[in-house]
Amino acid sequence: MEVRARPVGGAHSCAAFTLAARRQLTSPRKTSVAVVDGSLYFVKGMPETVIGECVTYTAADGSATNLTEKGRTRALSQSRRMAASGLRVLAMAYGPTLDDLTFAGLVGMEDPPREGVIEAVQQLRRGGVSVLMLTGDSKDTALAIARRCSIIGGNGESFDDSTIDISSDDFHPSSHNPMDDLEFGAGLALSGEQLDAIRPENLTDSIMGVRVFYRVAPRHKLALVRALQRHGDIVAMTGDGVNDATALKAADIGIAMGRGGTDVAKEAADVVLADDNFTTITKAVAEGKGIFFNIRNFLAFQLSTSFAALSIESVATLFGLPSPLNAMQILWINIIMDGPPAQSLGVEPVDERILSARPRKASDPILTRALLFRAITSAALIMFLTLKVFSNELDDGHVTRRDTTMTFMTFVNCDLFNAYACRSSERCFYEMNLFGNPTFLWAVGGSIIGQLAVIYFPPLQEVFQTESLSFTDLLYIILLSSTVLMLDTLRKKFFSSVFGDVVLPGTRSNKGYSARHHKKKEDSEQDFSKSGLGGSTSFEFGNNNVTPSKNKNPTVRSRAAAPISGPVCL
């Protein structure tokens, strides 16, 4: 960026500017006319570009000294040293014309990760999310930030730049071909120039395993989003600028910044972060996983209860037995008993095992074979226990109030134990925190009080045709119905491959991932980036990539939920 300005009051603030304004053109590229009003051009930008345009540099006395090729090399080496420490480096220059610029120096700006960003990235990584960093910064700055945030350098990757001596006079950063750039993270980073050299049809395969994209333009963000989508990923893109609007719109989930984002970005996005905080995305991912699996747990409970009630009546009719439950009791079970406990399962806290599970595919159904097996086996046991109590009480062939009360109480107790077991599809009942879901405790407590009122409160006894039970009867029913927990423990401990939904890290991935995808995944593992440093981030769930940064444009990829790409302002 260049600005032309004249001194206020006719005098420059330093001797170097005064001398520059007075001198004649010294550059052999004399294509413009020198001015005599004291105005100067002030330029800032990428060190490689600005230093390349300069013909002199500022000496100690303020005079302009010829900038040799060795001087350019030393300046570029210094800029790379600064960038390698995580600084965003800009070169400054000034001159009477753009063809006669004097190199003024380098400026390094530190933009550290925001509080909680590193932990958030690590949590996403444990959850199978990969992060890609898209940034306009230099390669050295981008890789330094990526290392600091564990985006690269972990999970057994070999990445060692310690053997490169950028302080040596023999090091010429401007001499190598960027297409053959094997230093500072070969295979982990690509520049915008390199992306332009890749044919669009080959882009998807070419970026597999790449964690950092540097010196990128808005068109590169859009191209990367589309490439990830062609690979079958769900992309979530974060952005805040006008130039990010196209990528935000193209992404499966566009995420704009609520505080620092432009109105254009907000309109193009699907989600707006009110606090501009990358950790909010992490919490949203965790919440999304929790909601999905809580829905499954809710369905497992509801289906098992419905299957059991229907089977009890069907079997009794098939064998010519009287109905074990009357109409009011069945209505009570469906409306009062199932309602509060079932609804409370929807607010069950997210299990750590679920957070660390590999992301699911977007096409994965909610109703799975494992869920149906859990519901059917639970319903079969509840039906067996209920009918056994009913047959034991039906000794004279006539249905009495005691018979239906014992049967009614057994079914309800089995239902409550089943609701507790359905809080998790992976943890056994003794592994779950009893007080982890207060809403569930209130719901179950209310159901128990209501059930006792139906059994022992005389007006309700008349409505539901029940009678009081002794303490021995209650103890017998509780012990009998608690076998539902035993069945649940057997399923989770010994038959988890048949009855479990969650795929844990280190286990075989979900069905539906192609062999090609698995190979890419093994070669490139999971990617992560940071938020708070101007640039982009890409989150991928399933084959996931995420990079949080303050001014960077993050892109997010995901197979389970959706990948995200775009600029992030955290």
Protein backbone atom coordinates (compact mmCIF):
# COMPACT_ATOMS: atom_id res chain seq x y z
CA MET A 1 0.00 0.00 0.00
CA GLU A 2 1.36 3.42 -0.87
CA VAL A 3 0.34 6.91 0.26
CA ARG A 4 1.52 10.24 -1.12
CA ALA A 5 1.71 13.02 1.44
CA ARG A 6 3.17 16.49 1.93
CA PRO A 7 4.72 17.71 5.19
CA VAL A 8 2.55 19.78 7.50
CA GLY A 9 3.83 23.34 7.62
CA GLY A 10 6.28 22.66 4.78
CA ALA A 11 8.91 20.86 6.87
CA HIS A 12 9.47 17.09 7.19
CA SER A 13 9.75 15.48 10.60
CA CYS A 14 13.20 13.97 10.01
CA ALA A 15 16.33 14.65 8.00
CA ALA A 16 15.96 11.51 5.91
CA PHE A 17 12.61 12.66 4.55
CA THR A 18 13.95 16.14 3.85
CA LEU A 19 16.91 14.75 1.91
CA ALA A 20 14.67 12.39 -0.03
CA ALA A 21 12.33 15.17 -1.05
CA ARG A 22 15.22 17.29 -2.33
CA ARG A 23 17.26 14.69 -4.20
CA GLN A 24 17.02 14.03 -7.89
CA LEU A 25 16.01 10.66 -9.27
CA THR A 26 18.76 8.12 -8.63
CA SER A 27 17.00 5.08 -10.04
CA PRO A 28 17.83 3.94 -13.59
CA ARG A 29 14.05 3.38 -14.03
CA LYS A 30 13.27 7.05 -14.62
CA THR A 31 9.73 6.76 -15.85
CA SER A 32 8.15 9.43 -13.68
CA VAL A 33 8.81 13.07 -13.04
CA ALA A 34 10.21 14.22 -9.73
CA VAL A 35 8.14 16.64 -7.71
CA VAL A 36 9.40 19.75 -5.95
CA ASP A 37 6.58 20.43 -3.48
CA GLY A 38 8.16 18.30 -0.77
CA SER A 39 5.68 15.48 -1.07
CA LEU A 40 6.82 11.86 -0.66
CA TYR A 41 5.42 8.41 -1.28
CA PHE A 42 5.23 6.21 1.81
CA VAL A 43 4.97 2.50 1.12
CA LYS A 44 4.36 -0.56 3.27
CA GLY A 45 3.83 -4.20 2.34
CA MET A 46 5.38 -7.64 2.02
CA PRO A 47 9.15 -7.50 2.57
CA GLU A 48 9.86 -9.49 -0.61
CA THR A 49 7.92 -6.99 -2.70
CA VAL A 50 8.86 -3.72 -1.04
CA ILE A 51 12.58 -4.51 -0.73
CA GLY A 52 12.63 -5.58 -4.34
CA GLU A 53 11.33 -2.15 -5.41
CA CYS A 54 13.83 -0.17 -3.34
CA VAL A 55 17.04 1.20 -4.87
CA THR A 56 18.52 2.74 -1.71
CA TYR A 57 18.33 2.38 2.05
CA THR A 58 18.52 4.91 4.86
CA ALA A 59 22.00 5.31 6.35
CA ALA A 60 22.72 6.39 9.93
CA ASP A 61 22.96 10.05 8.95
CA GLY A 62 19.67 9.97 7.06
CA SER A 63 21.22 9.88 3.63
CA ALA A 64 20.21 7.36 0.98
CA THR A 65 22.81 4.66 0.27
CA ASN A 66 22.73 2.30 -2.66
CA LEU A 67 20.98 -0.99 -1.78
CA THR A 68 23.06 -3.86 -3.08
CA GLU A 69 21.91 -7.43 -3.74
CA LYS A 70 23.72 -8.57 -0.59
CA GLY A 71 21.89 -5.89 1.39
CA ARG A 72 18.56 -7.10 0.04
CA THR A 73 19.46 -10.66 1.03
CA ARG A 74 20.35 -9.59 4.58
CA ALA A 75 17.10 -7.62 4.92
CA LEU A 76 15.04 -10.55 3.67
CA SER A 77 16.91 -12.90 6.02
CA GLN A 78 16.11 -10.61 8.93
CA SER A 79 12.45 -10.48 7.94
CA ARG A 80 12.32 -14.28 7.88
CA ARG A 81 13.94 -14.50 11.32
CA MET A 82 11.29 -12.15 12.65
CA ALA A 83 8.50 -14.05 10.89
CA ALA A 84 9.80 -17.40 12.18
CA SER A 85 9.21 -16.14 15.73
CA GLY A 86 5.55 -15.52 14.94
CA LEU A 87 5.71 -11.82 14.09
CA ARG A 88 3.75 -10.31 11.24
CA VAL A 89 6.44 -8.44 9.30
CA LEU A 90 5.97 -5.39 7.10
CA ALA A 91 8.63 -3.54 5.14
CA MET A 92 8.58 0.28 5.04
CA ALA A 93 9.90 2.53 2.29
CA TYR A 94 9.66 6.15 1.14
CA GLY A 95 10.74 8.24 -1.82
CA PRO A 96 9.88 11.13 -4.10
CA THR A 97 8.48 8.69 -6.68
CA LEU A 98 7.56 5.00 -6.75
CA ASP A 99 10.59 4.41 -8.96
CA ASP A 100 13.00 5.93 -6.45
CA LEU A 101 12.14 4.29 -3.13
CA THR A 102 14.38 4.17 -0.07
CA PHE A 103 14.14 1.18 2.23
CA ALA A 104 13.33 2.47 5.74
CA GLY A 105 13.22 -0.78 7.74
CA LEU A 106 11.11 -3.67 8.99
CA VAL A 107 8.26 -3.64 11.48
CA GLY A 108 7.30 -6.79 13.41
CA MET A 109 3.87 -6.97 15.04
CA GLU A 110 2.96 -9.67 17.52
CA ASP A 111 -0.62 -10.92 17.51
CA PRO A 112 -0.62 -13.75 20.09
CA PRO A 113 -3.34 -16.39 20.33
CA ARG A 114 -6.31 -15.31 22.36
CA GLU A 115 -6.89 -16.83 25.74
CA GLY A 116 -8.40 -20.29 25.44
CA VAL A 117 -7.69 -20.68 21.72
CA ILE A 118 -4.93 -23.27 22.12
CA GLU A 119 -7.05 -25.33 24.51
CA ALA A 120 -10.01 -25.04 22.13
CA VAL A 121 -7.94 -26.30 19.21
CA GLN A 122 -6.65 -29.20 21.29
CA GLN A 123 -10.20 -30.10 22.25
CA LEU A 124 -11.25 -30.05 18.62
CA ARG A 125 -8.30 -32.23 17.77
CA ARG A 126 -9.31 -34.78 20.39
CA GLY A 127 -12.76 -34.71 18.83
CA GLY A 128 -11.46 -35.65 15.40
CA VAL A 129 -11.64 -32.15 13.92
CA SER A 130 -8.92 -30.97 11.55
CA VAL A 131 -8.03 -27.32 11.15
CA LEU A 132 -6.60 -25.54 8.12
CA MET A 133 -5.07 -22.08 8.35
CA LEU A 134 -5.64 -19.58 5.54
CA THR A 135 -3.74 -16.34 5.96
CA GLY A 136 -2.31 -13.44 4.03
CA ASP A 137 0.84 -13.52 6.16
CA SER A 138 4.17 -14.93 5.07
CA LYS A 139 4.95 -18.62 5.21
CA ASP A 140 7.31 -18.25 8.15
CA THR A 141 4.77 -16.34 10.23
CA ALA A 142 1.99 -18.76 9.37
CA LEU A 143 4.08 -21.83 10.23
CA ALA A 144 5.28 -20.29 13.50
CA ILE A 145 1.69 -19.63 14.52
CA ALA A 146 0.66 -23.10 13.40
CA ARG A 147 3.39 -24.68 15.52
CA ARG A 148 2.47 -22.54 18.49
CA CYS A 149 -1.14 -23.69 18.23
CA SER A 150 -0.27 -27.37 17.56
CA ILE A 151 -1.65 -27.22 14.04
CA ILE A 152 1.54 -28.80 12.77
CA GLY A 153 4.41 -30.63 14.44
CA GLY A 154 2.31 -33.11 16.43
CA ASN A 155 0.91 -36.59 15.93
CA GLY A 156 4.23 -38.00 14.79
CA GLU A 157 4.75 -35.52 11.97
CA SER A 158 8.35 -34.83 11.13
CA PHE A 159 8.80 -31.12 10.81
CA ASP A 160 12.23 -29.73 11.58
CA ASP A 161 13.52 -26.45 10.28
CA SER A 162 16.37 -26.22 12.77
CA THR A 163 18.89 -27.23 10.11
CA ILE A 164 18.18 -24.11 8.04
CA ASP A 165 20.41 -21.18 8.93
CA ILE A 166 18.62 -18.10 7.75
CA SER A 167 21.23 -15.84 9.34
CA SER A 168 23.93 -17.06 6.99
CA ASP A 169 25.06 -14.79 4.15
CA ASP A 170 24.85 -17.81 1.87
CA PHE A 171 21.11 -18.05 2.40
CA HIS A 172 19.24 -16.42 -0.47
CA PRO A 173 15.48 -16.51 0.21
CA SER A 174 14.71 -14.75 -3.02
CA SER A 175 16.59 -17.21 -5.19
CA HIS A 176 14.56 -20.40 -4.81
CA ASN A 177 11.58 -21.42 -6.89
CA PRO A 178 8.39 -21.16 -4.80
CA MET A 179 7.00 -24.20 -6.59
CA ASP A 180 9.92 -26.23 -5.23
CA ASP A 181 9.77 -24.76 -1.75
CA LEU A 182 10.81 -27.72 0.38
CA GLU A 183 11.97 -25.78 3.40
CA PHE A 184 10.02 -24.65 6.42
CA GLY A 185 7.33 -27.31 6.33
CA ALA A 186 7.35 -29.17 3.05
CA GLY A 187 3.99 -30.71 2.35
CA LEU A 188 2.31 -28.76 5.15
CA ALA A 189 1.94 -25.36 3.51
CA LEU A 190 0.95 -23.94 0.14
CA SER A 191 0.99 -20.36 -1.06
CA GLY A 192 -1.62 -18.58 -3.10
CA GLU A 193 0.81 -18.58 -6.02
CA GLN A 194 1.14 -22.36 -5.78
CA LEU A 195 -2.64 -22.76 -5.61
CA ASP A 196 -2.95 -20.75 -8.82
CA ALA A 197 -0.54 -23.16 -10.51
CA ILE A 198 -2.70 -26.20 -9.66
CA ARG A 199 -5.38 -27.15 -12.15
CA PRO A 200 -8.90 -26.87 -10.62
CA GLU A 201 -9.68 -30.54 -11.24
CA ASN A 202 -6.53 -31.55 -9.32
CA LEU A 203 -6.92 -29.11 -6.43
CA THR A 204 -8.89 -31.48 -4.19
CA ASP A 205 -6.17 -34.14 -4.22
CA SER A 206 -3.34 -31.62 -4.11
CA ILE A 207 -4.39 -30.00 -0.83
CA MET A 208 -4.81 -33.23 1.11
CA GLY A 209 -2.35 -33.13 4.00
CA VAL A 210 -1.71 -29.40 3.68
CA ARG A 211 -2.29 -27.58 6.94
CA VAL A 212 -1.39 -23.97 6.17
CA PHE A 213 -2.23 -21.76 3.20
CA TYR A 214 -0.34 -18.46 3.16
CA ARG A 215 -0.35 -15.35 0.99
CA VAL A 216 -3.87 -16.22 -0.10
CA ALA A 217 -6.43 -13.95 -1.75
CA PRO A 218 -10.24 -14.13 -1.46
CA ARG A 219 -10.48 -16.20 -4.63
CA HIS A 220 -8.28 -18.85 -3.03
CA LYS A 221 -10.65 -19.17 -0.08
CA LEU A 222 -13.56 -19.84 -2.37
CA ALA A 223 -11.55 -22.36 -4.39
CA LEU A 224 -10.49 -24.20 -1.25
CA VAL A 225 -14.05 -24.35 0.09
CA ARG A 226 -15.28 -25.87 -3.14
CA ALA A 227 -12.36 -28.30 -3.29
CA LEU A 228 -13.11 -29.56 0.21
CA GLN A 229 -16.77 -29.93 -0.64
CA ARG A 230 -15.89 -31.97 -3.73
CA HIS A 231 -13.93 -34.24 -1.42
CA GLY A 232 -17.14 -34.91 0.49
CA ASP A 233 -16.40 -32.66 3.47
CA ILE A 234 -18.80 -30.26 5.09
CA VAL A 235 -17.07 -26.90 5.19
CA ALA A 236 -17.60 -24.23 7.81
CA MET A 237 -16.02 -20.91 6.90
CA THR A 238 -15.36 -18.06 9.28
CA GLY A 239 -14.95 -14.53 7.98
CA ASP A 240 -15.45 -10.87 8.76
CA GLY A 241 -14.67 -8.92 5.61
CA VAL A 242 -16.49 -8.01 2.42
CA ASN A 243 -14.05 -10.14 0.43
CA ASP A 244 -15.04 -13.19 2.49
CA ALA A 245 -18.70 -13.01 1.50
CA THR A 246 -18.42 -15.35 -1.50
CA ALA A 247 -16.63 -18.06 0.48
CA LEU A 248 -19.05 -17.65 3.39
CA LYS A 249 -21.96 -18.10 1.02
CA ALA A 250 -20.42 -21.13 -0.67
CA ALA A 251 -19.52 -22.91 2.58
CA ASP A 252 -21.93 -25.37 4.14
CA ILE A 253 -21.80 -23.29 7.30
CA GLY A 254 -20.78 -19.64 6.98
CA ILE A 255 -19.71 -18.04 10.26
CA ALA A 256 -19.37 -14.26 10.49
CA MET A 257 -18.04 -12.11 13.29
CA GLY A 258 -20.71 -10.15 15.15
CA ARG A 259 -18.50 -7.39 16.53
CA GLY A 260 -15.78 -6.85 13.94
CA GLY A 261 -17.57 -8.29 10.92
CA THR A 262 -19.00 -6.26 8.10
CA ASP A 263 -22.70 -6.22 7.29
CA VAL A 264 -21.99 -7.95 3.99
CA ALA A 265 -20.27 -10.85 5.75
CA LYS A 266 -23.09 -11.16 8.25
CA GLU A 267 -25.70 -11.28 5.51
CA ALA A 268 -23.79 -13.97 3.63
CA ALA A 269 -23.17 -16.11 6.72
CA ASP A 270 -25.43 -18.70 8.30
CA VAL A 271 -24.19 -18.04 11.84
CA VAL A 272 -22.98 -14.84 13.51
CA LEU A 273 -20.67 -15.05 16.53
CA ALA A 274 -21.79 -12.41 19.00
CA ASP A 275 -18.46 -12.46 20.89
CA ASP A 276 -16.05 -12.99 17.95
CA ASN A 277 -14.49 -15.80 19.96
CA PHE A 278 -13.16 -19.00 18.42
CA THR A 279 -13.85 -20.99 21.57
CA THR A 280 -17.55 -20.34 20.95
CA ILE A 281 -17.29 -22.48 17.82
CA THR A 282 -15.70 -25.24 19.88
CA LYS A 283 -18.56 -25.11 22.35
CA ALA A 284 -21.05 -25.17 19.49
CA VAL A 285 -19.40 -28.27 18.02
CA ALA A 286 -19.55 -29.99 21.40
CA GLU A 287 -23.17 -28.93 21.88
CA GLY A 288 -24.07 -30.18 18.42
CA LYS A 289 -22.55 -33.58 19.11
CA GLY A 290 -24.32 -33.74 22.45
CA ILE A 291 -27.71 -32.81 21.00
CA PHE A 292 -27.43 -35.43 18.27
CA PHE A 293 -26.58 -38.26 20.64
CA ASN A 294 -29.13 -37.07 23.21
CA ILE A 295 -31.79 -37.34 20.51
CA ARG A 296 -30.68 -40.91 19.93
CA ASN A 297 -30.87 -41.66 23.66
CA PHE A 298 -34.32 -40.09 23.78
CA LEU A 299 -35.47 -42.27 20.89
CA ALA A 300 -34.00 -45.39 22.50
CA PHE A 301 -36.02 -44.73 25.65
CA GLN A 302 -39.25 -43.81 23.90
CA LEU A 303 -39.11 -46.72 21.48
CA SER A 304 -38.33 -49.26 24.20
CA THR A 305 -41.26 -48.01 26.29
CA SER A 306 -43.65 -48.03 23.35
CA PHE A 307 -42.47 -51.45 22.17
CA ALA A 308 -42.86 -52.86 25.68
CA ALA A 309 -46.38 -51.48 26.22
CA LEU A 310 -47.54 -52.68 22.81
CA SER A 311 -45.94 -56.12 23.26
CA ILE A 312 -47.49 -56.63 26.68
CA GLU A 313 -51.00 -56.11 25.36
CA SER A 314 -50.30 -58.14 22.21
CA VAL A 315 -48.86 -61.14 24.07
CA ALA A 316 -51.64 -61.10 26.64
CA THR A 317 -54.22 -61.10 23.86
CA LEU A 318 -52.35 -63.83 21.96
CA PHE A 319 -52.38 -66.17 24.97
CA GLY A 320 -55.94 -65.35 25.94
CA LEU A 321 -55.00 -63.48 29.10
CA PRO A 322 -56.89 -60.46 30.46
CA SER A 323 -55.36 -57.05 29.78
CA PRO A 324 -52.55 -56.48 32.35
CA LEU A 325 -53.12 -52.71 32.35
CA ASN A 326 -56.32 -50.74 32.13
CA ALA A 327 -56.81 -47.75 29.85
CA MET A 328 -56.12 -45.11 32.53
CA GLN A 329 -52.88 -46.79 33.55
CA ILE A 330 -51.64 -46.93 29.96
CA LEU A 331 -52.55 -43.25 29.54
CA TRP A 332 -50.67 -42.41 32.75
CA ILE A 333 -47.57 -44.23 31.48
CA ASN A 334 -47.61 -42.48 28.10
CA ILE A 335 -48.36 -38.94 29.25
CA ILE A 336 -47.03 -38.54 32.77
CA MET A 337 -44.33 -41.18 33.25
CA ASP A 338 -42.65 -41.03 29.82
CA GLY A 339 -42.95 -37.28 29.33
CA PRO A 340 -40.69 -35.62 31.96
CA PRO A 341 -37.97 -38.33 32.08
CA ALA A 342 -37.82 -38.53 28.29
CA GLN A 343 -37.61 -34.75 27.87
CA SER A 344 -34.86 -34.49 30.48
CA LEU A 345 -32.68 -36.83 28.42
CA GLY A 346 -32.46 -34.04 25.86
CA VAL A 347 -30.44 -31.86 28.24
CA GLU A 348 -27.99 -34.54 29.33
CA PRO A 349 -24.46 -33.04 29.58
CA VAL A 350 -22.13 -33.95 26.75
CA ASP A 351 -20.16 -37.11 27.46
CA GLU A 352 -16.38 -36.78 27.03
CA ARG A 353 -16.40 -40.00 25.03
CA ILE A 354 -18.81 -38.42 22.59
CA LEU A 355 -16.67 -35.29 22.28
CA SER A 356 -13.61 -37.42 21.50
CA ALA A 357 -15.47 -39.63 19.01
CA ARG A 358 -14.78 -39.31 15.32
CA PRO A 359 -17.31 -37.01 13.65
CA ARG A 360 -20.20 -38.73 11.95
CA LYS A 361 -21.13 -38.32 8.32
CA ALA A 362 -23.82 -35.80 7.51
CA SER A 363 -25.82 -38.60 5.92
CA ASP A 364 -25.73 -40.84 8.98
CA PRO A 365 -29.29 -41.62 10.15
CA ILE A 366 -30.47 -40.83 13.66
CA LEU A 367 -32.25 -44.18 13.91
CA THR A 368 -29.46 -46.77 13.68
CA ARG A 369 -29.40 -50.53 13.91
CA ALA A 370 -27.61 -50.34 17.27
CA LEU A 371 -30.30 -48.03 18.63
CA LEU A 372 -33.06 -50.39 17.50
CA PHE A 373 -31.25 -53.35 19.09
CA ARG A 374 -31.04 -51.46 22.38
CA ALA A 375 -34.72 -50.52 22.25
CA ILE A 376 -35.87 -54.03 21.33
CA THR A 377 -33.81 -55.81 24.00
CA SER A 378 -34.90 -53.36 26.70
CA ALA A 379 -38.54 -53.69 25.60
CA ALA A 380 -38.27 -57.49 25.64
CA LEU A 381 -36.95 -57.54 29.20
CA ILE A 382 -39.55 -55.02 30.44
CA MET A 383 -42.31 -57.06 28.79
CA PHE A 384 -41.01 -60.29 30.33
CA LEU A 385 -40.75 -58.86 33.85
CA THR A 386 -44.15 -57.20 33.68
CA LEU A 387 -45.93 -60.29 32.36
CA LYS A 388 -44.16 -62.51 34.90
CA VAL A 389 -45.45 -60.40 37.78
CA PHE A 390 -48.90 -60.33 36.20
CA SER A 391 -48.99 -64.12 35.73
CA ASN A 392 -47.78 -64.68 39.29
CA GLU A 393 -50.51 -62.46 40.69
CA LEU A 394 -53.20 -63.91 38.42
CA ASP A 395 -53.56 -67.09 40.49
CA ASP A 396 -57.36 -67.36 40.52
CA GLY A 397 -57.96 -66.41 36.88
CA HIS A 398 -59.69 -63.16 37.84
CA VAL A 399 -58.04 -59.75 37.51
CA THR A 400 -58.11 -57.83 40.80
CA ARG A 401 -56.91 -54.38 41.72
CA ARG A 402 -53.82 -55.88 43.31
CA ASP A 403 -52.97 -57.73 40.09
CA THR A 404 -53.10 -54.62 37.95
CA THR A 405 -51.38 -52.50 40.62
CA MET A 406 -48.43 -54.90 40.87
CA THR A 407 -48.20 -55.07 37.08
CA PHE A 408 -48.58 -51.31 36.74
CA MET A 409 -45.89 -50.63 39.36
CA THR A 410 -43.48 -53.12 37.80
CA PHE A 411 -43.81 -51.58 34.35
CA VAL A 412 -43.30 -48.05 35.68
CA ASN A 413 -40.23 -49.02 37.74
CA CYS A 414 -38.69 -50.81 34.77
CA ASP A 415 -39.37 -47.70 32.72
CA LEU A 416 -37.59 -45.44 35.22
CA PHE A 417 -34.55 -47.71 35.43
CA ASN A 418 -34.50 -47.84 31.65
CA ALA A 419 -34.59 -44.04 31.50
CA TYR A 420 -31.50 -43.88 33.72
CA ALA A 421 -29.70 -46.42 31.53
CA CYS A 422 -30.57 -44.40 28.42
CA ARG A 423 -28.68 -41.35 29.66
CA SER A 424 -25.64 -42.72 27.83
CA SER A 425 -25.18 -45.19 25.02
CA GLU A 426 -21.63 -45.98 26.15
CA ARG A 427 -21.33 -45.66 29.93
CA CYS A 428 -22.71 -48.20 32.37
CA PHE A 429 -25.10 -46.98 35.06
CA TYR A 430 -22.41 -47.03 37.78
CA GLU A 431 -20.05 -44.94 35.58
CA MET A 432 -22.52 -42.08 35.16
CA ASN A 433 -22.64 -39.15 37.53
CA LEU A 434 -25.88 -39.49 39.48
CA PHE A 435 -26.15 -35.73 39.86
CA GLY A 436 -24.79 -34.86 36.41
CA ASN A 437 -28.25 -34.03 35.06
CA PRO A 438 -30.33 -32.25 37.71
CA THR A 439 -33.26 -31.94 35.28
CA PHE A 440 -33.41 -35.72 35.01
CA LEU A 441 -33.40 -36.09 38.78
CA TRP A 442 -36.28 -33.64 39.13
CA ALA A 443 -38.20 -35.39 36.36
CA VAL A 444 -37.71 -38.85 37.86
CA GLY A 445 -38.43 -37.55 41.34
CA GLY A 446 -41.68 -36.02 40.16
CA SER A 447 -42.63 -39.23 38.36
CA ILE A 448 -41.99 -41.29 41.50
CA ILE A 449 -44.11 -38.95 43.63
CA GLY A 450 -46.88 -39.05 41.06
CA GLN A 451 -46.74 -42.85 40.89
CA LEU A 452 -46.89 -43.20 44.67
CA ALA A 453 -49.86 -40.83 44.72
CA VAL A 454 -51.66 -43.04 42.18
CA ILE A 455 -51.03 -46.08 44.37
CA TYR A 456 -51.69 -44.65 47.86
CA PHE A 457 -53.96 -41.60 47.43
CA PRO A 458 -57.58 -42.82 47.71
CA PRO A 459 -59.18 -40.48 45.13
CA LEU A 460 -56.57 -41.49 42.55
CA GLN A 461 -56.96 -45.14 43.50
CA GLU A 462 -60.54 -44.95 42.32
CA VAL A 463 -59.55 -43.33 39.05
CA PHE A 464 -56.76 -45.76 38.20
CA GLN A 465 -58.24 -48.83 39.88
CA THR A 466 -55.23 -49.41 42.14
CA GLU A 467 -54.70 -50.37 45.78
CA SER A 468 -51.98 -49.85 48.33
CA LEU A 469 -48.95 -52.14 48.25
CA SER A 470 -46.87 -53.29 51.19
CA PHE A 471 -43.21 -52.42 51.67
CA THR A 472 -42.29 -56.00 50.78
CA ASP A 473 -44.15 -55.68 47.50
CA LEU A 474 -42.34 -52.48 46.66
CA LEU A 475 -38.93 -53.99 47.54
CA TYR A 476 -39.66 -57.02 45.35
CA ILE A 477 -40.68 -54.82 42.41
CA ILE A 478 -37.59 -52.59 42.77
CA LEU A 479 -35.20 -55.55 42.87
CA LEU A 480 -36.92 -57.21 39.93
CA SER A 481 -37.04 -54.11 37.75
CA SER A 482 -33.39 -53.23 38.52
CA THR A 483 -32.38 -56.11 36.25
CA VAL A 484 -32.90 -53.60 33.43
CA LEU A 485 -29.63 -52.02 34.60
CA MET A 486 -27.94 -55.41 34.56
CA LEU A 487 -28.99 -55.96 30.96
CA ASP A 488 -27.72 -52.53 30.04
CA THR A 489 -24.35 -53.26 31.65
CA LEU A 490 -23.98 -56.51 29.73
CA ARG A 491 -24.70 -54.71 26.45
CA LYS A 492 -22.22 -51.93 27.06
CA LYS A 493 -19.44 -54.07 28.51
CA PHE A 494 -19.51 -57.15 26.31
CA PHE A 495 -21.53 -56.28 23.20
CA SER A 496 -20.63 -52.65 22.55
CA SER A 497 -19.91 -53.37 18.89
CA VAL A 498 -23.55 -54.42 18.44
CA PHE A 499 -25.33 -51.97 20.72
CA GLY A 500 -22.97 -48.94 20.68
CA ASP A 501 -23.23 -45.89 18.39
CA VAL A 502 -20.07 -43.96 19.26
CA VAL A 503 -16.80 -44.64 17.43
CA LEU A 504 -13.95 -43.84 19.82
CA PRO A 505 -10.50 -42.56 18.75
CA GLY A 506 -8.19 -45.34 17.73
CA THR A 507 -11.03 -47.64 16.69
CA ARG A 508 -12.21 -48.38 13.21
CA SER A 509 -13.92 -45.45 11.62
CA ASN A 510 -17.60 -45.20 10.85
CA LYS A 511 -18.92 -47.04 7.83
CA GLY A 512 -19.26 -44.77 4.87
CA TYR A 513 -15.72 -43.43 4.86
CA SER A 514 -14.07 -44.48 1.65
CA ALA A 515 -10.75 -46.32 1.60
CA ARG A 516 -9.32 -43.36 -0.27
CA HIS A 517 -10.43 -41.00 2.45
CA HIS A 518 -8.88 -43.21 5.13
CA LYS A 519 -5.54 -43.27 3.36
CA LYS A 520 -5.58 -39.49 3.04
CA LYS A 521 -6.50 -39.28 6.68
CA GLU A 522 -3.62 -41.50 7.78
CA ASP A 523 -1.18 -39.55 5.66
CA SER A 524 -2.34 -36.12 6.78
CA GLU A 525 -3.88 -36.73 10.23
CA GLN A 526 -5.87 -33.93 11.80
CA ASP A 527 -5.23 -30.24 11.24
CA PHE A 528 -5.56 -27.37 13.61
CA SER A 529 -4.92 -23.69 13.61
CA LYS A 530 -5.42 -20.73 15.85
CA SER A 531 -7.52 -17.75 16.23
CA GLY A 532 -6.44 -14.24 16.98
CA LEU A 533 -3.80 -13.62 14.34
CA GLY A 534 -5.24 -12.19 11.13
CA GLY A 535 -5.88 -14.97 8.63
CA SER A 536 -8.18 -17.88 7.79
CA THR A 537 -9.18 -21.10 9.44
CA SER A 538 -10.64 -24.30 8.07
CA PHE A 539 -12.51 -26.76 10.23
CA GLU A 540 -13.22 -30.24 8.98
CA PHE A 541 -15.39 -32.71 10.86
CA GLY A 542 -14.75 -36.27 9.87
CA ASN A 543 -11.77 -35.23 7.86
CA ASN A 544 -11.54 -32.12 9.88
CA ASN A 545 -9.50 -28.96 9.74
CA VAL A 546 -9.69 -25.86 11.91
CA THR A 547 -7.57 -22.74 12.34
CA PRO A 548 -8.55 -19.96 14.68
CA SER A 549 -7.02 -16.55 14.27
CA LYS A 550 -7.85 -13.00 15.05
CA ASN A 551 -7.65 -11.42 11.65
CA LYS A 552 -6.99 -14.58 9.70
CA ASN A 553 -9.62 -16.17 7.57
CA PRO A 554 -10.44 -19.62 8.94
CA THR A 555 -11.81 -22.46 6.87
CA VAL A 556 -13.52 -25.35 8.54
CA ARG A 557 -13.91 -28.81 7.09
CA SER A 558 -16.06 -31.54 8.51
CA ARG A 559 -17.55 -34.83 7.51
CA ALA A 560 -19.79 -35.18 10.50
CA ALA A 561 -21.10 -31.73 10.81
CA ALA A 562 -19.64 -29.42 8.21
CA PRO A 563 -16.22 -28.02 7.29
CA ILE A 564 -15.74 -24.32 7.73
CA SER A 565 -13.61 -21.93 5.70
CA GLY A 566 -13.11 -18.21 5.78
CA PRO A 567 -11.63 -15.35 7.70
CA VAL A 568 -11.85 -15.45 11.46
CA CYS A 569 -11.66 -12.41 13.66
CA LEU A 570 -11.16 -13.62 17.20
